[in-house]
Amino acid sequence: MMAPLIERFPSHCPLGHRLGGRRMLVGWDNRSDPPQRIWICGRCDIVMHSTDYPWPSAD
């Protein structure tokens, strides 16, 4: 049995708009080095990169 895959994402864009289902686009930026996950706010079109967020360590 496999554990469910859960992906963390920012709760708000830099302008304060809430993110979640039907409120953002999720993508992948292959042009950056290394490639990284991106999120695009559905209201203001700001692109957020996964390296912009200080995720807590998995320790």
PDB file of N, CA and C in Angstrom:
ATOM      1  N   MET A   1       0.837  -1.171   0.000  1.00  0.00           N
ATOM      2  CA  MET A   1       0.000   0.000   0.000  1.00  0.00           C
ATOM      3  C   MET A   1       0.888   1.243   0.000  1.00  0.00           C
ATOM      4  N   MET A   2       0.541   2.192  -0.854  1.00  0.00           N
ATOM      5  CA  MET A   2       1.342   3.407  -0.979  1.00  0.00           C
ATOM      6  C   MET A   2       0.698   4.541  -0.195  1.00  0.00           C
ATOM      7  N   ALA A   3       1.546   5.393   0.344  1.00  0.00           N
ATOM      8  CA  ALA A   3       1.053   6.585   1.043  1.00  0.00           C
ATOM      9  C   ALA A   3       0.577   7.610   0.015  1.00  0.00           C
ATOM     10  N   PRO A   4      -0.419   8.401   0.359  1.00  0.00           N
ATOM     11  CA  PRO A   4      -0.887   9.417  -0.596  1.00  0.00           C
ATOM     12  C   PRO A   4       0.174  10.486  -0.820  1.00  0.00           C
ATOM     13  N   LEU A   5       0.216  11.011  -2.031  1.00  0.00           N
ATOM     14  CA  LEU A   5       1.149  12.067  -2.384  1.00  0.00           C
ATOM     15  C   LEU A   5       0.532  13.410  -2.007  1.00  0.00           C
ATOM     16  N   ILE A   6       1.206  14.145  -1.166  1.00  0.00           N
ATOM     17  CA  ILE A   6       0.723  15.449  -0.724  1.00  0.00           C
ATOM     18  C   ILE A   6       1.771  16.484  -1.089  1.00  0.00           C
ATOM     19  N   GLU A   7       1.355  17.509  -1.790  1.00  0.00           N
ATOM     20  CA  GLU A   7       2.271  18.565  -2.194  1.00  0.00           C
ATOM     21  C   GLU A   7       1.935  19.842  -1.432  1.00  0.00           C
ATOM     22  N   ARG A   8       2.938  20.469  -0.869  1.00  0.00           N
ATOM     23  CA  ARG A   8       2.735  21.732  -0.167  1.00  0.00           C
ATOM     24  C   ARG A   8       2.765  22.875  -1.170  1.00  0.00           C
ATOM     25  N   PHE A   9       1.965  23.900  -0.911  1.00  0.00           N
ATOM     26  CA  PHE A   9       1.947  25.079  -1.762  1.00  0.00           C
ATOM     27  C   PHE A   9       1.659  26.291  -0.898  1.00  0.00           C
ATOM     28  N   PRO A  10       1.995  27.482  -1.379  1.00  0.00           N
ATOM     29  CA  PRO A  10       1.737  28.686  -0.588  1.00  0.00           C
ATOM     30  C   PRO A  10       0.234  28.881  -0.384  1.00  0.00           C
ATOM     31  N   SER A  11      -0.155  29.439   0.752  1.00  0.00           N
ATOM     32  CA  SER A  11      -1.576  29.659   1.032  1.00  0.00           C
ATOM     33  C   SER A  11      -2.080  30.959   0.428  1.00  0.00           C
ATOM     34  N   HIS A  12      -1.165  31.926   0.198  1.00  0.00           N
ATOM     35  CA  HIS A  12      -1.523  33.229  -0.365  1.00  0.00           C
ATOM     36  C   HIS A  12      -0.439  33.686  -1.332  1.00  0.00           C
ATOM     37  N   CYS A  13      -0.824  34.492  -2.305  1.00  0.00           N
ATOM     38  CA  CYS A  13       0.169  35.092  -3.194  1.00  0.00           C
ATOM     39  C   CYS A  13       0.771  36.312  -2.487  1.00  0.00           C
ATOM     40  N   PRO A  14       1.829  36.902  -3.018  1.00  0.00           N
ATOM     41  CA  PRO A  14       2.441  38.066  -2.370  1.00  0.00           C
ATOM     42  C   PRO A  14       1.493  39.256  -2.192  1.00  0.00           C
ATOM     43  N   LEU A  15       0.415  39.333  -2.981  1.00  0.00           N
ATOM     44  CA  LEU A  15      -0.546  40.426  -2.828  1.00  0.00           C
ATOM     45  C   LEU A  15      -1.690  40.077  -1.876  1.00  0.00           C
ATOM     46  N   GLY A  16      -1.655  38.876  -1.287  1.00  0.00           N
ATOM     47  CA  GLY A  16      -2.634  38.493  -0.279  1.00  0.00           C
ATOM     48  C   GLY A  16      -3.828  37.703  -0.785  1.00  0.00           C
ATOM     49  N   HIS A  17      -3.877  37.356  -2.067  1.00  0.00           N
ATOM     50  CA  HIS A  17      -4.984  36.564  -2.588  1.00  0.00           C
ATOM     51  C   HIS A  17      -4.837  35.123  -2.120  1.00  0.00           C
ATOM     52  N   ARG A  18      -5.946  34.516  -1.659  1.00  0.00           N
ATOM     53  CA  ARG A  18      -5.910  33.122  -1.212  1.00  0.00           C
ATOM     54  C   ARG A  18      -5.705  32.189  -2.390  1.00  0.00           C
ATOM     55  N   LEU A  19      -4.895  31.159  -2.177  1.00  0.00           N
ATOM     56  CA  LEU A  19      -4.640  30.153  -3.204  1.00  0.00           C
ATOM     57  C   LEU A  19      -5.282  28.842  -2.775  1.00  0.00           C
ATOM     58  N   GLY A  20      -5.533  27.993  -3.715  1.00  0.00           N
ATOM     59  CA  GLY A  20      -6.148  26.699  -3.448  1.00  0.00           C
ATOM     60  C   GLY A  20      -6.819  26.204  -4.717  1.00  0.00           C
ATOM     61  N   GLY A  21      -7.728  25.261  -4.568  1.00  0.00           N
ATOM     62  CA  GLY A  21      -8.441  24.721  -5.706  1.00  0.00           C
ATOM     63  C   GLY A  21      -9.189  25.798  -6.478  1.00  0.00           C
ATOM     64  N   ARG A  22      -9.015  25.799  -7.783  1.00  0.00           N
ATOM     65  CA  ARG A  22      -9.649  26.737  -8.712  1.00  0.00           C
ATOM     66  C   ARG A  22      -9.248  28.194  -8.472  1.00  0.00           C
ATOM     67  N   ARG A  23      -8.192  28.422  -7.716  1.00  0.00           N
ATOM     68  CA  ARG A  23      -7.702  29.779  -7.461  1.00  0.00           C
ATOM     69  C   ARG A  23      -6.275  29.978  -7.930  1.00  0.00           C
ATOM     70  N   MET A  24      -5.659  28.921  -8.491  1.00  0.00           N
ATOM     71  CA  MET A  24      -4.282  29.023  -8.956  1.00  0.00           C
ATOM     72  C   MET A  24      -4.028  28.003 -10.051  1.00  0.00           C
ATOM     73  N   LEU A  25      -2.973  28.251 -10.814  1.00  0.00           N
ATOM     74  CA  LEU A  25      -2.476  27.296 -11.788  1.00  0.00           C
ATOM     75  C   LEU A  25      -1.167  26.736 -11.243  1.00  0.00           C
ATOM     76  N   VAL A  26      -0.951  25.462 -11.441  1.00  0.00           N
ATOM     77  CA  VAL A  26       0.266  24.805 -10.981  1.00  0.00           C
ATOM     78  C   VAL A  26       1.033  24.350 -12.199  1.00  0.00           C
ATOM     79  N   GLY A  27       2.335  24.612 -12.202  1.00  0.00           N
ATOM     80  CA  GLY A  27       3.140  24.231 -13.348  1.00  0.00           C
ATOM     81  C   GLY A  27       4.548  23.857 -12.963  1.00  0.00           C
ATOM     82  N   TRP A  28       5.380  23.718 -13.977  1.00  0.00           N
ATOM     83  CA  TRP A  28       6.765  23.295 -13.803  1.00  0.00           C
ATOM     84  C   TRP A  28       7.628  24.163 -14.695  1.00  0.00           C
ATOM     85  N   ASP A  29       8.667  24.798 -14.138  1.00  0.00           N
ATOM     86  CA  ASP A  29       9.572  25.656 -14.891  1.00  0.00           C
ATOM     87  C   ASP A  29      10.833  24.871 -15.223  1.00  0.00           C
ATOM     88  N   ASN A  30      10.938  24.422 -16.472  1.00  0.00           N
ATOM     89  CA  ASN A  30      12.103  23.644 -16.902  1.00  0.00           C
ATOM     90  C   ASN A  30      13.273  24.520 -17.307  1.00  0.00           C
ATOM     91  N   ARG A  31      13.051  25.813 -17.460  1.00  0.00           N
ATOM     92  CA  ARG A  31      14.130  26.701 -17.899  1.00  0.00           C
ATOM     93  C   ARG A  31      15.051  27.103 -16.753  1.00  0.00           C
ATOM     94  N   SER A  32      14.603  27.000 -15.526  1.00  0.00           N
ATOM     95  CA  SER A  32      15.464  27.352 -14.389  1.00  0.00           C
ATOM     96  C   SER A  32      16.402  26.185 -14.079  1.00  0.00           C
ATOM     97  N   ASP A  33      17.455  26.481 -13.340  1.00  0.00           N
ATOM     98  CA  ASP A  33      18.424  25.442 -12.985  1.00  0.00           C
ATOM     99  C   ASP A  33      18.572  25.405 -11.473  1.00  0.00           C
ATOM    100  N   PRO A  34      18.114  24.421 -10.767  1.00  0.00           N
ATOM    101  CA  PRO A  34      17.406  23.232 -11.242  1.00  0.00           C
ATOM    102  C   PRO A  34      15.944  23.542 -11.549  1.00  0.00           C
ATOM    103  N   PRO A  35      15.266  22.692 -12.343  1.00  0.00           N
ATOM    104  CA  PRO A  35      13.843  22.907 -12.608  1.00  0.00           C
ATOM    105  C   PRO A  35      13.052  22.952 -11.300  1.00  0.00           C
ATOM    106  N   GLN A  36      11.985  23.724 -11.280  1.00  0.00           N
ATOM    107  CA  GLN A  36      11.232  23.894 -10.037  1.00  0.00           C
ATOM    108  C   GLN A  36       9.747  24.071 -10.307  1.00  0.00           C
ATOM    109  N   ARG A  37       8.956  23.812  -9.281  1.00  0.00           N
ATOM    110  CA  ARG A  37       7.506  23.965  -9.312  1.00  0.00           C
ATOM    111  C   ARG A  37       7.153  25.445  -9.291  1.00  0.00           C
ATOM    112  N   ILE A  38       6.120  25.828 -10.032  1.00  0.00           N
ATOM    113  CA  ILE A  38       5.629  27.206  -9.987  1.00  0.00           C
ATOM    114  C   ILE A  38       4.124  27.199  -9.735  1.00  0.00           C
ATOM    115  N   TRP A  39       3.647  28.280  -9.138  1.00  0.00           N
ATOM    116  CA  TRP A  39       2.223  28.501  -8.924  1.00  0.00           C
ATOM    117  C   TRP A  39       1.891  29.876  -9.475  1.00  0.00           C
ATOM    118  N   ILE A  40       0.762  30.003 -10.144  1.00  0.00           N
ATOM    119  CA  ILE A  40       0.332  31.274 -10.716  1.00  0.00           C
ATOM    120  C   ILE A  40      -1.004  31.643 -10.088  1.00  0.00           C
ATOM    121  N   CYS A  41      -1.067  32.824  -9.479  1.00  0.00           N
ATOM    122  CA  CYS A  41      -2.294  33.295  -8.844  1.00  0.00           C
ATOM    123  C   CYS A  41      -3.364  33.504  -9.907  1.00  0.00           C
ATOM    124  N   GLY A  42      -4.568  33.032  -9.656  1.00  0.00           N
ATOM    125  CA  GLY A  42      -5.665  33.164 -10.601  1.00  0.00           C
ATOM    126  C   GLY A  42      -6.238  34.567 -10.682  1.00  0.00           C
ATOM    127  N   ARG A  43      -5.964  35.417  -9.710  1.00  0.00           N
ATOM    128  CA  ARG A  43      -6.502  36.778  -9.716  1.00  0.00           C
ATOM    129  C   ARG A  43      -5.536  37.802 -10.284  1.00  0.00           C
ATOM    130  N   CYS A  44      -4.242  37.702  -9.919  1.00  0.00           N
ATOM    131  CA  CYS A  44      -3.299  38.749 -10.336  1.00  0.00           C
ATOM    132  C   CYS A  44      -2.194  38.235 -11.255  1.00  0.00           C
ATOM    133  N   ASP A  45      -2.158  36.944 -11.553  1.00  0.00           N
ATOM    134  CA  ASP A  45      -1.186  36.332 -12.470  1.00  0.00           C
ATOM    135  C   ASP A  45       0.264  36.430 -12.001  1.00  0.00           C
ATOM    136  N   ILE A  46       0.498  36.614 -10.714  1.00  0.00           N
ATOM    137  CA  ILE A  46       1.865  36.587 -10.193  1.00  0.00           C
ATOM    138  C   ILE A  46       2.372  35.150 -10.209  1.00  0.00           C
ATOM    139  N   VAL A  47       3.601  34.964 -10.691  1.00  0.00           N
ATOM    140  CA  VAL A  47       4.224  33.639 -10.733  1.00  0.00           C
ATOM    141  C   VAL A  47       5.100  33.484  -9.499  1.00  0.00           C
ATOM    142  N   MET A  48       4.865  32.417  -8.744  1.00  0.00           N
ATOM    143  CA  MET A  48       5.636  32.125  -7.541  1.00  0.00           C
ATOM    144  C   MET A  48       6.428  30.845  -7.770  1.00  0.00           C
ATOM    145  N   HIS A  49       7.726  30.871  -7.466  1.00  0.00           N
ATOM    146  CA  HIS A  49       8.599  29.708  -7.629  1.00  0.00           C
ATOM    147  C   HIS A  49       8.775  29.005  -6.288  1.00  0.00           C
ATOM    148  N   SER A  50       9.006  27.701  -6.335  1.00  0.00           N
ATOM    149  CA  SER A  50       9.155  26.931  -5.096  1.00  0.00           C
ATOM    150  C   SER A  50      10.364  27.376  -4.284  1.00  0.00           C
ATOM    151  N   THR A  51      11.382  27.956  -4.927  1.00  0.00           N
ATOM    152  CA  THR A  51      12.558  28.413  -4.185  1.00  0.00           C
ATOM    153  C   THR A  51      12.289  29.730  -3.448  1.00  0.00           C
ATOM    154  N   ASP A  52      11.147  30.376  -3.724  1.00  0.00           N
ATOM    155  CA  ASP A  52      10.802  31.633  -3.052  1.00  0.00           C
ATOM    156  C   ASP A  52      10.259  31.419  -1.643  1.00  0.00           C
ATOM    157  N   TYR A  53       9.941  30.169  -1.284  1.00  0.00           N
ATOM    158  CA  TYR A  53       9.301  29.891   0.000  1.00  0.00           C
ATOM    159  C   TYR A  53      10.218  29.078   0.888  1.00  0.00           C
ATOM    160  N   PRO A  54      10.473  29.533   2.106  1.00  0.00           N
ATOM    161  CA  PRO A  54      11.346  28.787   3.028  1.00  0.00           C
ATOM    162  C   PRO A  54      10.589  27.629   3.679  1.00  0.00           C
ATOM    163  N   TRP A  55      10.500  26.510   2.982  1.00  0.00           N
ATOM    164  CA  TRP A  55       9.777  25.366   3.519  1.00  0.00           C
ATOM    165  C   TRP A  55      10.489  24.830   4.749  1.00  0.00           C
ATOM    166  N   PRO A  56       9.747  24.364   5.732  1.00  0.00           N
ATOM    167  CA  PRO A  56      10.413  23.758   6.902  1.00  0.00           C
ATOM    168  C   PRO A  56      11.149  22.493   6.506  1.00  0.00           C
ATOM    169  N   SER A  57      12.218  22.203   7.208  1.00  0.00           N
ATOM    170  CA  SER A  57      12.998  21.009   6.877  1.00  0.00           C
ATOM    171  C   SER A  57      12.201  19.758   7.245  1.00  0.00           C
ATOM    172  N   ALA A  58      12.543  18.650   6.595  1.00  0.00           N
ATOM    173  CA  ALA A  58      11.829  17.385   6.800  1.00  0.00           C
ATOM    174  C   ALA A  58      12.355  16.629   8.014  1.00  0.00           C
ATOM    175  N   ASP A  59      13.228  17.225   8.806  1.00  0.00           N
ATOM    176  CA  ASP A  59      13.812  16.523   9.960  1.00  0.00           C
ATOM    177  C   ASP A  59      12.799  16.263  11.039  1.00  0.00           C
TER     178      ASP A  59
END
